[in-house]
Amino acid sequence: MGIVVYGYQIIPGDDEDLHFATTLEACMKDASDLLKDLRNDPEVSPTEFGARAVYECTLKMPDPATLVAFLNEHTEAIENCIMDRKLVTVVGN
C-alpha cells in the first residue's frame, strides 16, 4: 500500500522533473496555470508551450535514509519512493 499523488512535467517531454499535487484536479490546474503563464510571457520560447504529461504516482513510505535524503534535497530520493507511476492525462495545446 502506498500514498497516491499526481505529478506533471515541468518541461514538456521531460519526466525527470515533476511538480506534484495531492489530487489529479489540482495537478491539472497547476499544469494549466503554468502553460497560461508561459504563453503570457514574451520572454518564453513557443517551444516551451508543449503539452505536459500528468502521472499518477504511488509512493512508498520512506525509510530513515530516504527521509534524510529528502530533507537534504537529494532528488534521487523521489525516485526511491515512487513504487508505481502511470500516465493519466496530458494537459496543454
Protein backbone atom coordinates (compact mmCIF):
# COMPACT_ATOMS: atom_id res chain seq x y z
CA MET A 1 0.00 0.00 0.00
CA GLY A 2 1.23 3.48 -0.77
CA ILE A 3 0.27 7.11 -0.99
CA VAL A 4 -1.04 8.34 -4.35
CA VAL A 5 -0.01 11.77 -5.61
CA TYR A 6 -0.03 13.30 -9.08
CA GLY A 7 2.83 14.95 -10.92
CA TYR A 8 3.09 16.87 -14.18
CA GLN A 9 6.09 17.54 -16.37
CA ILE A 10 7.61 20.95 -15.74
CA ILE A 11 9.34 20.74 -19.12
CA PRO A 12 7.35 19.06 -21.90
CA GLY A 13 8.71 15.63 -22.74
CA ASP A 14 10.99 15.55 -19.67
CA ASP A 15 9.98 13.12 -16.93
CA GLU A 16 12.97 13.94 -14.76
CA ASP A 17 11.44 16.98 -13.03
CA LEU A 18 7.82 16.74 -11.97
CA HIS A 19 5.67 19.12 -9.93
CA PHE A 20 3.39 17.25 -7.53
CA ALA A 21 -0.11 17.79 -6.16
CA THR A 22 -2.38 15.73 -3.94
CA THR A 23 -5.23 15.40 -6.47
CA LEU A 24 -5.46 14.93 -10.21
CA GLU A 25 -7.63 18.04 -10.47
CA ALA A 26 -5.11 20.19 -8.59
CA CYS A 27 -2.27 18.82 -10.69
CA MET A 28 -4.09 19.54 -13.95
CA LYS A 29 -4.92 23.07 -12.75
CA ASP A 30 -1.29 23.70 -11.80
CA ALA A 31 -0.14 22.46 -15.22
CA SER A 32 -2.74 24.63 -16.97
CA ASP A 33 -1.73 27.66 -14.91
CA LEU A 34 1.92 27.09 -15.81
CA LEU A 35 1.08 26.92 -19.51
CA LYS A 36 -1.03 30.07 -19.26
CA ASP A 37 1.82 31.92 -17.54
CA LEU A 38 4.30 30.74 -20.17
CA ARG A 39 2.06 31.84 -23.03
CA ASN A 40 1.71 35.30 -21.45
CA ASP A 41 5.46 35.75 -21.02
CA PRO A 42 7.06 37.36 -24.10
CA GLU A 43 10.47 36.09 -22.97
CA VAL A 44 9.42 32.43 -23.27
CA SER A 45 10.01 30.50 -26.47
CA PRO A 46 6.93 28.88 -28.04
CA THR A 47 8.80 25.55 -27.86
CA GLU A 48 8.07 25.60 -24.12
CA PHE A 49 4.28 25.67 -24.71
CA GLY A 50 4.09 21.92 -25.32
CA ALA A 51 1.66 19.64 -23.56
CA ARG A 52 2.62 18.27 -20.15
CA ALA A 53 2.13 14.64 -19.20
CA VAL A 54 0.39 14.06 -15.87
CA TYR A 55 1.26 10.94 -13.90
CA GLU A 56 -0.36 9.15 -11.01
CA CYS A 57 2.47 8.17 -8.69
CA THR A 58 2.18 5.67 -5.87
CA LEU A 59 4.74 6.41 -3.18
CA LYS A 60 6.01 4.07 -0.52
CA MET A 61 6.70 5.32 2.97
CA PRO A 62 10.38 6.27 3.10
CA ASP A 63 12.91 4.59 5.32
CA PRO A 64 15.04 6.88 7.54
CA ALA A 65 17.86 7.22 4.98
CA THR A 66 15.43 8.19 2.22
CA LEU A 67 13.69 10.65 4.52
CA VAL A 68 17.02 12.27 5.39
CA ALA A 69 17.83 12.50 1.68
CA PHE A 70 14.51 14.28 1.12
CA LEU A 71 15.24 16.68 3.93
CA ASN A 72 18.65 17.38 2.43
CA GLU A 73 17.10 17.90 -1.03
CA HIS A 74 18.60 14.94 -2.83
CA THR A 75 16.35 14.46 -5.83
CA GLU A 76 17.16 10.77 -6.20
CA ALA A 77 15.13 10.27 -3.04
CA ILE A 78 12.00 10.91 -5.10
CA GLU A 79 12.87 8.02 -7.39
CA ASN A 80 13.45 5.80 -4.36
CA CYS A 81 9.94 6.48 -3.09
CA ILE A 82 7.96 6.02 -6.31
CA MET A 83 6.66 2.45 -6.39
CA ASP A 84 4.47 2.85 -9.46
CA ARG A 85 3.81 5.59 -11.99
CA LYS A 86 1.27 5.68 -14.80
CA LEU A 87 0.30 8.31 -17.33
CA VAL A 88 -3.25 9.51 -16.64
CA THR A 89 -3.66 12.53 -18.92
CA VAL A 90 -1.92 15.26 -20.88
CA VAL A 91 -2.52 18.97 -20.29
CA GLY A 92 -1.95 21.60 -22.93
CA ASN A 93 -2.17 22.64 -26.52
